N, C-alpha and C. Protein backbone atom coordinates (compact mmCIF):
# COMPACT_ATOMS: atom_id res chain seq x y z
N MET A 1 -136.78 150.26 -178.30
CA MET A 1 -135.77 150.95 -178.97
C MET A 1 -135.19 152.09 -177.94
N PRO A 2 -133.76 152.11 -178.21
CA PRO A 2 -132.98 153.35 -177.26
C PRO A 2 -133.20 154.40 -178.00
N PHE A 3 -132.85 155.48 -177.21
CA PHE A 3 -132.79 157.03 -177.83
C PHE A 3 -131.71 157.50 -176.79
N PHE A 4 -130.69 158.64 -177.33
CA PHE A 4 -130.19 159.58 -176.66
C PHE A 4 -131.48 160.66 -176.42
N SER A 5 -131.38 161.02 -174.85
CA SER A 5 -132.53 161.61 -174.50
C SER A 5 -131.79 162.78 -173.32
N MET A 6 -132.52 163.79 -173.77
CA MET A 6 -132.57 164.91 -172.74
C MET A 6 -133.50 165.55 -172.36
N GLN A 7 -133.55 166.73 -171.50
CA GLN A 7 -134.54 167.42 -170.93
C GLN A 7 -134.16 169.06 -171.65
N TYR A 8 -134.99 169.74 -172.12
CA TYR A 8 -134.72 171.34 -172.08
C TYR A 8 -135.99 172.08 -172.00
N ARG A 9 -135.88 172.99 -171.22
CA ARG A 9 -136.48 173.94 -170.51
C ARG A 9 -136.43 175.70 -171.50
N VAL A 10 -137.86 175.56 -172.04
CA VAL A 10 -137.94 176.70 -172.99
C VAL A 10 -137.98 178.21 -172.23
N LEU A 11 -136.93 178.80 -172.49
CA LEU A 11 -136.32 180.02 -172.17
C LEU A 11 -137.12 181.06 -172.86
N PHE A 12 -137.10 182.20 -172.47
CA PHE A 12 -137.61 183.63 -173.00
C PHE A 12 -137.16 183.83 -174.32
N HIS A 13 -135.67 183.80 -174.85
CA HIS A 13 -135.42 184.02 -176.25
C HIS A 13 -135.73 182.88 -176.98
N ASP A 14 -136.53 181.86 -176.76
CA ASP A 14 -136.80 180.87 -177.25
C ASP A 14 -138.51 181.08 -177.88
N THR A 15 -138.85 182.12 -177.37
CA THR A 15 -140.28 182.23 -177.32
C THR A 15 -140.56 183.54 -178.56
N MET A 16 -141.69 183.46 -179.02
CA MET A 16 -142.06 184.63 -179.84
C MET A 16 -143.00 185.40 -179.01
N ALA A 17 -143.71 186.83 -179.49
CA ALA A 17 -144.11 187.75 -178.97
C ALA A 17 -145.83 187.35 -178.23
N TYR A 18 -146.22 186.08 -178.85
CA TYR A 18 -147.55 185.70 -178.12
C TYR A 18 -147.31 184.35 -177.28
N GLY A 19 -146.02 184.39 -176.92
CA GLY A 19 -145.86 183.25 -175.93
C GLY A 19 -145.51 181.74 -175.84
N SER A 20 -145.52 181.32 -177.22
CA SER A 20 -145.05 180.25 -177.26
C SER A 20 -143.90 179.90 -177.97
N HIS A 21 -142.79 179.21 -177.71
CA HIS A 21 -141.67 178.82 -178.60
C HIS A 21 -141.85 179.42 -180.05
N HIS A 22 -141.02 179.85 -180.54
CA HIS A 22 -140.54 179.99 -181.93
C HIS A 22 -140.41 179.15 -182.81
N HIS A 23 -141.03 179.00 -184.21
CA HIS A 23 -140.46 177.56 -184.50
C HIS A 23 -139.29 177.39 -185.28
N MET A 24 -138.40 178.31 -184.85
CA MET A 24 -136.98 177.79 -185.29
C MET A 24 -136.22 177.12 -183.99
N ALA A 25 -136.75 177.60 -182.56
CA ALA A 25 -136.22 176.75 -181.67
C ALA A 25 -136.44 175.24 -181.88
N ASN A 26 -137.32 174.70 -182.75
CA ASN A 26 -137.23 173.40 -182.88
C ASN A 26 -135.95 173.17 -183.63
N PHE A 27 -135.21 173.76 -184.26
CA PHE A 27 -133.79 173.53 -184.89
C PHE A 27 -132.66 173.76 -183.40
N LYS A 28 -133.20 174.46 -182.81
CA LYS A 28 -132.26 174.68 -181.55
C LYS A 28 -132.33 173.38 -180.51
N PHE A 29 -133.71 172.79 -180.44
CA PHE A 29 -133.51 171.70 -179.77
C PHE A 29 -132.71 170.39 -180.11
N GLN A 30 -132.91 170.53 -181.77
CA GLN A 30 -132.40 169.57 -182.42
C GLN A 30 -130.68 169.46 -182.10
N ASN A 31 -129.95 170.84 -182.69
CA ASN A 31 -128.59 171.08 -181.94
C ASN A 31 -128.19 170.66 -180.75
N ILE A 32 -128.96 171.56 -179.73
CA ILE A 32 -128.49 171.17 -178.41
C ILE A 32 -128.44 169.62 -178.09
N ALA A 33 -129.54 168.74 -178.69
CA ALA A 33 -129.05 167.55 -178.50
C ALA A 33 -127.98 166.96 -179.03
N ARG A 34 -127.45 167.34 -180.63
CA ARG A 34 -126.55 166.49 -181.04
C ARG A 34 -125.33 167.06 -180.64
N GLU A 35 -125.19 168.29 -180.34
CA GLU A 35 -124.02 168.80 -179.68
C GLU A 35 -123.62 168.55 -178.12
N THR A 36 -124.83 167.90 -177.33
CA THR A 36 -124.59 167.26 -176.17
C THR A 36 -124.28 165.60 -176.57
N PHE A 37 -124.58 165.19 -177.04
CA PHE A 37 -124.44 163.82 -177.61
C PHE A 37 -122.78 163.85 -177.99
N ILE A 38 -122.55 164.64 -178.91
CA ILE A 38 -120.91 164.71 -179.47
C ILE A 38 -120.22 165.16 -178.32
N PHE A 39 -120.11 165.92 -177.56
CA PHE A 39 -119.47 167.15 -176.84
C PHE A 39 -119.26 165.81 -175.45
N ASP A 40 -119.94 165.34 -175.10
CA ASP A 40 -120.38 164.58 -173.62
C ASP A 40 -120.35 163.25 -173.38
N SER A 41 -120.01 162.26 -174.65
CA SER A 41 -119.99 161.25 -174.77
C SER A 41 -118.24 160.73 -173.96
N ARG A 42 -118.52 159.80 -173.16
CA ARG A 42 -117.31 159.51 -172.54
C ARG A 42 -116.74 158.36 -173.31
N LEU A 43 -116.52 158.25 -174.68
CA LEU A 43 -116.25 156.90 -175.27
C LEU A 43 -114.47 157.38 -175.88
N GLY A 44 -113.63 156.61 -175.12
CA GLY A 44 -112.03 156.89 -175.38
C GLY A 44 -111.79 157.93 -175.06
N GLN A 45 -110.91 158.51 -176.29
CA GLN A 45 -110.78 159.83 -176.53
C GLN A 45 -111.66 160.84 -176.68
N SER A 46 -111.09 161.95 -176.36
CA SER A 46 -112.22 163.00 -176.13
C SER A 46 -112.53 163.57 -177.41
N TRP A 47 -113.63 164.26 -177.55
CA TRP A 47 -114.16 164.58 -178.89
C TRP A 47 -113.26 165.62 -179.75
N GLU A 48 -112.51 166.14 -179.09
CA GLU A 48 -111.40 167.14 -179.75
C GLU A 48 -110.39 166.35 -180.33
N GLU A 49 -109.95 165.14 -179.98
CA GLU A 49 -108.72 164.42 -180.21
C GLU A 49 -109.66 163.25 -181.39
N GLN A 50 -110.89 163.19 -181.57
CA GLN A 50 -111.44 162.53 -182.68
C GLN A 50 -111.74 162.89 -183.88
N THR A 51 -111.69 164.51 -183.62
CA THR A 51 -112.26 164.94 -184.58
C THR A 51 -111.44 166.15 -184.79
N LYS A 52 -110.35 166.01 -184.72
CA LYS A 52 -109.28 167.28 -184.75
C LYS A 52 -108.90 167.25 -186.49
N ASP A 53 -108.77 165.81 -187.14
CA ASP A 53 -108.49 166.40 -188.47
C ASP A 53 -110.32 166.24 -189.42
N LEU A 54 -111.26 166.43 -189.02
CA LEU A 54 -112.67 166.61 -189.43
C LEU A 54 -113.04 167.67 -189.72
N LEU A 55 -114.15 168.23 -190.63
CA LEU A 55 -115.21 169.09 -190.66
C LEU A 55 -116.17 168.46 -190.63
N MET A 56 -117.27 168.95 -189.95
CA MET A 56 -118.48 168.34 -189.43
C MET A 56 -119.18 169.33 -190.08
N LEU A 57 -120.06 168.97 -190.90
CA LEU A 57 -120.96 169.70 -191.72
C LEU A 57 -122.56 169.09 -191.53
N THR A 58 -123.31 170.02 -191.44
CA THR A 58 -124.90 169.77 -191.85
C THR A 58 -125.33 169.63 -193.20
N ARG A 59 -125.31 168.61 -193.58
CA ARG A 59 -125.69 168.94 -195.10
C ARG A 59 -127.09 169.06 -195.46
N ASP A 60 -127.95 168.46 -194.57
CA ASP A 60 -129.25 169.02 -194.57
C ASP A 60 -129.97 169.11 -193.51
N ALA A 61 -131.26 169.86 -193.33
CA ALA A 61 -131.46 169.80 -191.96
C ALA A 61 -133.41 169.84 -192.39
N HIS A 62 -134.14 169.22 -191.48
CA HIS A 62 -135.58 169.13 -191.78
C HIS A 62 -136.25 169.53 -190.37
N SER A 63 -137.11 170.55 -190.29
CA SER A 63 -138.35 170.31 -188.66
C SER A 63 -139.74 170.04 -189.18
N LEU A 64 -140.60 169.46 -188.89
CA LEU A 64 -141.93 169.50 -188.85
C LEU A 64 -142.56 169.98 -187.58
N ASN A 65 -142.83 171.24 -187.48
CA ASN A 65 -143.35 171.43 -186.41
C ASN A 65 -144.87 171.17 -185.96
N LEU A 66 -144.87 170.72 -184.80
CA LEU A 66 -146.41 170.35 -184.93
C LEU A 66 -147.18 170.70 -183.47
N SER A 67 -146.85 171.48 -182.79
CA SER A 67 -147.26 171.96 -181.54
C SER A 67 -146.51 172.59 -180.51
N PRO A 68 -147.33 173.98 -179.96
CA PRO A 68 -146.22 174.98 -179.34
C PRO A 68 -145.97 174.35 -178.09
N VAL A 69 -145.19 175.26 -177.40
CA VAL A 69 -144.70 175.20 -176.25
C VAL A 69 -144.23 176.20 -175.45
N GLY A 70 -145.07 176.57 -174.35
CA GLY A 70 -144.86 177.86 -173.47
C GLY A 70 -143.62 178.16 -172.82
N LEU A 71 -143.43 179.23 -172.41
CA LEU A 71 -142.16 179.71 -171.59
C LEU A 71 -142.31 178.74 -170.27
N ALA A 72 -141.10 178.44 -170.22
CA ALA A 72 -140.62 178.04 -168.94
C ALA A 72 -140.86 176.31 -168.81
N GLN A 73 -141.56 175.71 -170.11
CA GLN A 73 -142.43 174.64 -170.19
C GLN A 73 -141.09 173.58 -170.36
N SER A 74 -141.00 172.05 -170.09
CA SER A 74 -139.53 171.46 -170.40
C SER A 74 -140.46 170.81 -171.70
N VAL A 75 -139.42 170.26 -172.69
CA VAL A 75 -139.51 169.62 -173.50
C VAL A 75 -138.61 168.09 -173.39
N ALA A 76 -138.69 167.16 -174.03
CA ALA A 76 -137.78 165.94 -174.20
C ALA A 76 -137.34 166.05 -175.74
N ILE A 77 -135.91 165.47 -175.81
CA ILE A 77 -135.43 165.46 -177.23
C ILE A 77 -134.84 164.00 -177.05
N LEU A 78 -135.45 163.41 -178.24
CA LEU A 78 -134.85 162.08 -178.41
C LEU A 78 -133.99 161.74 -179.40
N LEU A 79 -132.98 161.40 -179.93
CA LEU A 79 -132.12 161.19 -180.85
C LEU A 79 -131.93 160.18 -181.19
N SER A 80 -132.21 159.67 -182.72
CA SER A 80 -131.55 158.19 -183.20
C SER A 80 -130.93 158.51 -184.37
N TYR A 81 -129.92 157.08 -184.84
CA TYR A 81 -129.48 157.64 -186.39
C TYR A 81 -130.33 156.74 -187.33
N GLU A 82 -129.92 157.26 -188.40
CA GLU A 82 -130.50 156.58 -189.48
C GLU A 82 -129.76 156.68 -191.13
N GLU A 83 -129.49 155.81 -191.91
CA GLU A 83 -128.80 155.68 -192.79
C GLU A 83 -127.33 155.91 -192.87
N PRO A 84 -126.65 155.40 -191.69
CA PRO A 84 -125.12 155.98 -191.63
C PRO A 84 -124.37 155.05 -193.13
N SER A 85 -123.15 155.94 -193.22
CA SER A 85 -122.32 155.27 -194.31
C SER A 85 -120.99 155.63 -193.47
N ARG A 86 -120.11 155.61 -194.41
CA ARG A 86 -118.73 155.46 -194.24
C ARG A 86 -118.33 157.09 -193.86
N SER A 87 -119.00 158.25 -194.21
CA SER A 87 -118.75 159.33 -193.89
C SER A 87 -120.09 160.32 -193.62
N THR A 88 -121.49 159.40 -193.74
CA THR A 88 -122.46 160.41 -193.08
C THR A 88 -123.10 159.79 -191.94
N VAL A 89 -123.93 160.46 -191.47
CA VAL A 89 -124.81 160.06 -190.37
C VAL A 89 -126.08 161.04 -190.37
N ARG A 90 -127.68 160.34 -190.30
CA ARG A 90 -128.63 161.16 -190.35
C ARG A 90 -129.23 161.17 -188.70
N LEU A 91 -129.34 162.27 -188.21
CA LEU A 91 -129.67 162.13 -186.99
C LEU A 91 -131.18 162.33 -186.86
N CYS A 92 -132.13 161.67 -186.15
CA CYS A 92 -133.34 161.60 -186.32
C CYS A 92 -133.66 162.07 -184.80
N PHE A 93 -134.90 163.55 -184.66
CA PHE A 93 -135.16 163.76 -183.59
C PHE A 93 -136.73 163.74 -183.42
N ARG A 94 -136.98 163.58 -182.14
CA ARG A 94 -138.50 163.81 -181.82
C ARG A 94 -138.42 164.38 -180.39
N ILE A 95 -139.48 165.60 -180.53
CA ILE A 95 -139.40 166.51 -179.23
C ILE A 95 -141.12 166.26 -178.75
N MET A 96 -140.88 166.33 -177.65
CA MET A 96 -142.45 165.98 -177.11
C MET A 96 -142.62 167.00 -175.63
N GLY A 97 -143.68 167.56 -175.45
CA GLY A 97 -143.98 168.41 -174.37
C GLY A 97 -144.01 167.34 -173.16
N GLN A 98 -144.43 168.02 -171.96
CA GLN A 98 -144.70 167.70 -171.08
C GLN A 98 -145.89 166.68 -170.77
N GLN A 99 -146.93 166.76 -171.73
CA GLN A 99 -148.17 165.89 -171.56
C GLN A 99 -147.79 164.76 -172.45
N GLY A 100 -146.68 164.58 -173.24
CA GLY A 100 -146.06 163.46 -174.20
C GLY A 100 -146.59 164.00 -175.60
N GLN A 101 -147.48 165.25 -175.67
CA GLN A 101 -147.67 165.37 -177.08
C GLN A 101 -146.25 166.05 -178.00
N PRO A 102 -146.66 165.71 -179.08
CA PRO A 102 -145.67 165.92 -180.38
C PRO A 102 -145.26 167.40 -180.39
N VAL A 103 -144.12 167.86 -180.37
CA VAL A 103 -143.82 169.45 -180.55
C VAL A 103 -143.44 169.36 -181.89
N SER A 104 -142.38 168.42 -182.13
CA SER A 104 -141.71 168.52 -183.57
C SER A 104 -140.89 167.08 -183.81
N CYS A 105 -140.82 166.84 -185.00
CA CYS A 105 -139.76 166.00 -185.38
C CYS A 105 -139.09 166.25 -186.74
N GLY A 106 -138.01 165.74 -186.82
CA GLY A 106 -137.36 166.23 -188.26
C GLY A 106 -135.57 165.52 -187.99
N TYR A 107 -134.97 165.84 -188.99
CA TYR A 107 -133.79 165.31 -188.73
C TYR A 107 -132.50 166.26 -189.61
N GLN A 108 -130.97 165.63 -189.29
CA GLN A 108 -129.99 166.49 -189.90
C GLN A 108 -129.22 165.53 -190.42
N THR A 109 -128.45 165.56 -191.47
CA THR A 109 -127.75 164.89 -191.88
C THR A 109 -126.07 165.46 -191.98
N MET A 110 -125.63 164.36 -191.25
CA MET A 110 -124.16 165.03 -191.11
C MET A 110 -123.18 164.66 -191.87
N LEU A 111 -122.48 165.65 -192.73
CA LEU A 111 -121.12 164.83 -193.36
C LEU A 111 -119.82 165.03 -192.80
N LEU A 112 -119.34 164.30 -192.68
CA LEU A 112 -118.01 164.08 -192.54
C LEU A 112 -116.71 164.61 -193.67
N LEU A 113 -115.86 165.53 -193.35
CA LEU A 113 -114.52 165.68 -194.61
C LEU A 113 -113.73 165.79 -193.47
N HIS A 114 -112.50 165.63 -194.36
CA HIS A 114 -111.27 165.75 -193.88
C HIS A 114 -110.67 167.36 -194.21
N LYS A 115 -110.26 167.98 -193.32
CA LYS A 115 -110.01 169.39 -192.91
C LYS A 115 -109.37 169.82 -193.82
N ASP A 116 -108.12 169.09 -194.64
CA ASP A 116 -107.40 169.45 -195.18
C ASP A 116 -107.75 169.17 -196.92
N THR A 117 -108.28 168.03 -197.21
CA THR A 117 -108.55 167.58 -198.55
C THR A 117 -109.98 167.87 -198.92
N HIS A 118 -110.53 168.05 -197.94
CA HIS A 118 -112.26 168.07 -198.26
C HIS A 118 -112.70 166.94 -198.66
N GLU A 119 -111.80 166.19 -198.83
CA GLU A 119 -112.44 164.31 -199.23
C GLU A 119 -113.53 163.53 -197.97
N PRO A 120 -114.51 162.84 -198.04
CA PRO A 120 -115.17 162.47 -197.55
C PRO A 120 -114.27 161.68 -196.41
N ALA A 121 -114.56 161.85 -195.18
CA ALA A 121 -113.62 160.98 -193.74
C ALA A 121 -114.42 160.06 -193.32
N PRO A 122 -113.93 158.61 -192.65
CA PRO A 122 -114.73 157.87 -191.89
C PRO A 122 -115.00 159.06 -190.54
N ALA A 123 -116.06 158.04 -190.14
CA ALA A 123 -116.72 158.66 -188.83
C ALA A 123 -115.74 158.05 -187.69
N PRO A 124 -115.58 158.76 -186.63
CA PRO A 124 -114.85 158.35 -185.62
C PRO A 124 -115.60 157.84 -184.55
N PRO A 125 -115.12 157.12 -183.34
CA PRO A 125 -116.03 156.10 -182.49
C PRO A 125 -117.17 156.89 -181.85
N LEU A 126 -116.77 158.24 -181.45
CA LEU A 126 -117.85 158.65 -180.92
C LEU A 126 -119.49 158.41 -181.93
N PHE A 127 -119.09 158.59 -183.28
CA PHE A 127 -120.47 158.43 -184.13
C PHE A 127 -120.63 156.89 -184.44
N THR A 128 -119.73 156.32 -184.46
CA THR A 128 -120.06 154.86 -184.79
C THR A 128 -120.07 153.71 -183.75
N HIS A 129 -119.98 154.07 -182.65
CA HIS A 129 -119.95 153.35 -181.13
C HIS A 129 -121.47 153.16 -181.04
N TYR A 130 -122.61 153.77 -181.38
CA TYR A 130 -123.65 153.29 -181.31
C TYR A 130 -124.09 152.85 -182.51
N LEU A 131 -123.76 152.31 -183.51
CA LEU A 131 -124.21 152.13 -184.84
C LEU A 131 -124.43 150.65 -184.95
N SER A 132 -123.74 149.63 -184.56
CA SER A 132 -123.76 148.62 -184.25
C SER A 132 -125.01 147.85 -183.87
N VAL A 133 -125.60 147.35 -184.96
CA VAL A 133 -127.26 146.68 -184.26
C VAL A 133 -127.09 145.66 -183.49
N GLU A 134 -125.73 144.93 -183.45
CA GLU A 134 -125.78 143.63 -182.75
C GLU A 134 -125.52 144.56 -181.22
N LYS A 135 -125.19 145.69 -180.66
CA LYS A 135 -124.97 146.35 -179.61
C LYS A 135 -125.87 146.56 -178.71
N GLU A 136 -126.05 146.29 -177.65
CA GLU A 136 -126.96 146.48 -176.68
C GLU A 136 -127.16 148.08 -176.35
N GLY A 137 -127.75 148.95 -176.86
CA GLY A 137 -127.82 150.37 -176.50
C GLY A 137 -128.05 151.12 -177.70
N ASN A 138 -128.18 150.31 -178.98
CA ASN A 138 -127.41 150.95 -180.16
C ASN A 138 -128.76 152.23 -180.32
N LEU A 139 -128.49 152.97 -181.47
CA LEU A 139 -129.61 154.13 -181.46
C LEU A 139 -129.93 154.15 -183.20
N VAL A 140 -130.05 152.94 -183.53
CA VAL A 140 -130.14 153.08 -185.04
C VAL A 140 -131.83 152.87 -185.48
N GLU A 141 -131.98 153.88 -185.74
CA GLU A 141 -133.87 154.12 -185.66
C GLU A 141 -134.61 152.75 -186.44
N LYS A 142 -135.64 152.17 -185.73
CA LYS A 142 -136.19 151.06 -186.21
C LYS A 142 -137.28 151.36 -187.21
N LEU A 143 -137.59 152.59 -187.63
CA LEU A 143 -138.51 152.71 -188.62
C LEU A 143 -137.76 152.73 -190.01
N THR A 144 -138.35 152.06 -190.63
CA THR A 144 -137.44 152.02 -192.04
C THR A 144 -138.91 151.73 -192.75
N ASN A 145 -138.83 151.59 -193.95
CA ASN A 145 -139.78 151.61 -195.12
C ASN A 145 -141.06 151.92 -195.08
N PRO A 146 -141.49 153.38 -194.68
CA PRO A 146 -140.21 154.45 -195.53
C PRO A 146 -139.39 154.98 -194.07
N SER A 147 -138.51 155.56 -194.40
CA SER A 147 -137.51 156.00 -193.63
C SER A 147 -137.96 157.26 -192.02
N PHE A 148 -137.69 157.05 -191.41
CA PHE A 148 -137.75 158.19 -190.43
C PHE A 148 -137.91 159.57 -191.28
N ALA A 149 -136.89 159.88 -192.26
CA ALA A 149 -136.80 161.25 -193.04
C ALA A 149 -137.98 161.38 -193.90
N GLU A 150 -138.39 160.44 -194.45
CA GLU A 150 -139.38 160.50 -195.22
C GLU A 150 -140.91 160.58 -194.71
N ARG A 151 -140.90 159.61 -193.40
CA ARG A 151 -142.19 159.90 -192.62
C ARG A 151 -142.64 161.45 -191.94
N THR A 152 -141.60 162.16 -192.05
CA THR A 152 -141.67 163.61 -191.47
C THR A 152 -142.06 164.32 -192.96
N HIS A 153 -141.79 163.89 -194.17
CA HIS A 153 -142.99 164.62 -194.99
C HIS A 153 -143.82 164.23 -195.48
N CYS A 154 -144.72 163.21 -194.92
CA CYS A 154 -145.74 162.51 -195.55
C CYS A 154 -146.63 162.89 -195.05
N GLY A 155 -147.08 163.02 -193.96
CA GLY A 155 -148.38 163.64 -193.01
C GLY A 155 -148.77 162.77 -191.99
N SER A 156 -150.01 162.79 -191.52
CA SER A 156 -150.34 162.43 -190.32
C SER A 156 -150.14 160.92 -189.97
N ARG A 157 -150.49 159.85 -190.67
CA ARG A 157 -150.32 158.64 -190.53
C ARG A 157 -148.91 158.58 -190.15
N TRP A 158 -147.84 158.57 -190.79
CA TRP A 158 -146.65 158.64 -190.56
C TRP A 158 -146.39 159.10 -189.29
N VAL A 159 -146.56 160.38 -189.29
CA VAL A 159 -145.89 161.06 -188.09
C VAL A 159 -146.76 160.17 -186.78
N ARG A 160 -147.83 159.62 -186.36
CA ARG A 160 -148.28 158.94 -185.64
C ARG A 160 -147.29 158.05 -185.20
N GLU A 161 -146.92 157.28 -186.34
CA GLU A 161 -145.87 156.28 -185.88
C GLU A 161 -144.83 156.50 -185.39
N ILE A 162 -144.31 157.91 -185.72
CA ILE A 162 -143.02 158.31 -185.24
C ILE A 162 -143.09 158.21 -184.06
N PHE A 163 -144.29 159.11 -183.41
CA PHE A 163 -144.51 159.19 -182.03
C PHE A 163 -145.39 157.92 -181.39
N SER A 164 -145.15 156.80 -181.49
CA SER A 164 -145.75 155.92 -180.69
C SER A 164 -146.19 155.82 -179.46
N GLU A 165 -147.08 155.06 -178.67
CA GLU A 165 -147.34 155.58 -177.13
C GLU A 165 -146.24 155.14 -176.57
N PRO A 166 -145.49 153.99 -176.62
CA PRO A 166 -144.32 153.82 -175.67
C PRO A 166 -143.52 155.04 -176.08
N VAL A 167 -143.33 155.93 -177.19
CA VAL A 167 -142.25 156.80 -177.21
C VAL A 167 -142.90 157.75 -176.54
N ARG A 168 -143.96 158.22 -176.92
CA ARG A 168 -144.67 159.17 -176.20
C ARG A 168 -144.81 159.12 -174.83
N GLN A 169 -144.84 157.95 -173.99
CA GLN A 169 -144.80 157.83 -172.51
C GLN A 169 -143.32 158.16 -172.25
N LEU A 170 -142.20 157.64 -172.66
CA LEU A 170 -140.43 157.90 -172.37
C LEU A 170 -140.64 159.27 -172.64
N GLY A 171 -141.34 160.18 -173.58
CA GLY A 171 -140.93 161.56 -173.79
C GLY A 171 -141.72 162.17 -172.80
N LYS A 172 -142.98 161.70 -172.32
CA LYS A 172 -143.70 162.34 -170.87
C LYS A 172 -142.88 162.63 -169.94
N SER A 173 -141.81 161.47 -169.78
CA SER A 173 -141.07 161.06 -168.52
C SER A 173 -139.86 161.91 -168.11
N VAL A 174 -139.47 161.80 -169.49
CA VAL A 174 -138.21 162.95 -169.87
C VAL A 174 -138.43 164.07 -169.37
N ALA A 175 -139.78 165.00 -170.31
CA ALA A 175 -139.64 166.16 -170.10
C ALA A 175 -140.12 166.75 -168.67
N ASN A 176 -140.61 165.75 -167.70
CA ASN A 176 -141.03 165.98 -166.73
C ASN A 176 -140.24 165.09 -165.43
N ALA A 177 -138.97 164.71 -165.58
CA ALA A 177 -137.77 164.26 -164.67
C ALA A 177 -137.30 165.87 -163.72
N PRO A 178 -137.59 164.96 -162.48
CA PRO A 178 -136.79 166.36 -161.70
C PRO A 178 -135.42 166.04 -161.99
N ARG A 179 -134.86 167.55 -161.69
CA ARG A 179 -133.35 167.60 -161.89
C ARG A 179 -132.91 166.63 -161.74
N GLU A 180 -132.73 166.02 -160.57
CA GLU A 180 -131.75 165.21 -160.34
C GLU A 180 -131.93 164.03 -161.35
N THR A 181 -132.38 163.76 -161.89
CA THR A 181 -132.71 162.60 -162.93
C THR A 181 -132.71 162.94 -164.44
N ALA A 182 -132.56 164.56 -164.58
CA ALA A 182 -132.94 164.76 -166.11
C ALA A 182 -131.77 165.14 -166.79
N TYR A 183 -130.47 164.18 -166.18
CA TYR A 183 -129.51 164.40 -167.20
C TYR A 183 -129.76 163.70 -168.34
N PRO A 184 -128.76 163.91 -169.21
CA PRO A 184 -128.58 163.55 -170.63
C PRO A 184 -128.21 161.70 -170.58
N LYS A 185 -129.19 161.03 -171.30
CA LYS A 185 -128.52 159.39 -171.31
C LYS A 185 -129.20 158.66 -172.66
N ILE A 186 -128.97 157.81 -172.40
CA ILE A 186 -129.17 156.71 -173.43
C ILE A 186 -130.13 155.63 -172.78
N ILE A 187 -131.57 155.96 -173.27
CA ILE A 187 -132.83 155.31 -172.48
C ILE A 187 -133.87 154.87 -173.50
N ASP A 188 -134.12 153.33 -173.52
CA ASP A 188 -135.35 152.78 -174.17
C ASP A 188 -136.50 153.19 -173.91
N GLU A 189 -137.56 152.58 -175.10
CA GLU A 189 -139.11 152.39 -174.22
C GLU A 189 -139.37 151.80 -172.90
N GLU A 190 -138.58 151.04 -172.46
CA GLU A 190 -139.10 150.38 -171.23
C GLU A 190 -138.15 151.09 -170.05
N PHE A 191 -137.60 152.12 -170.24
CA PHE A 191 -136.85 153.18 -169.27
C PHE A 191 -135.53 152.20 -168.67
N ASN A 192 -134.67 151.60 -169.29
CA ASN A 192 -133.68 150.66 -169.51
C ASN A 192 -132.66 151.91 -169.80
N GLU A 193 -131.77 152.23 -168.90
CA GLU A 193 -130.65 153.28 -169.31
C GLU A 193 -129.33 152.53 -169.88
N TYR A 194 -128.96 153.03 -170.51
CA TYR A 194 -127.32 152.05 -171.14
C TYR A 194 -126.40 153.25 -171.01
N PRO A 195 -124.93 152.57 -171.03
CA PRO A 195 -123.90 153.36 -170.92
C PRO A 195 -123.95 154.64 -172.10
N PHE A 196 -123.39 155.78 -171.64
CA PHE A 196 -123.35 156.74 -172.22
C PHE A 196 -121.78 157.53 -171.92
């Protein structure tokens, strides 16, 4: 399964007094991946043009915190999509440390509204381009029934399925990538890259 992936190094302001990352940094990881994905996409028009008439709201967000990460350690952030509709999409996040250990998982449901009417608005190509299941490199979450979001609320067995061994190996590779290959990308569990 392909994911949008990126590496992030834990900085001093991400940590607590006893040295590991603050639980709220898990939402920061989600936001950094979301914004990098939206703002760095090279699809046709710029994100400014595609979203000029839209309000993008995070309707709900959740983070299940699983293990600490220390100062200066890197994490891998993997993003996928779930339950898209005409004007909403749920972004699913898996965060792993340098040994491939799960750090957190969670989701954000984004709602798109027209800036003047505040009515639901259709998603622009920067969101919909990666939603076609027929398209190679699509980011549609494969975990269903229960959904990714439901799994984050259900406990250990379901969380283990979120972090399958191939996903953990991908996370370990992204978290440990040297600077020259640590750029944001769409990559699958077999390490195939897709256009971003």
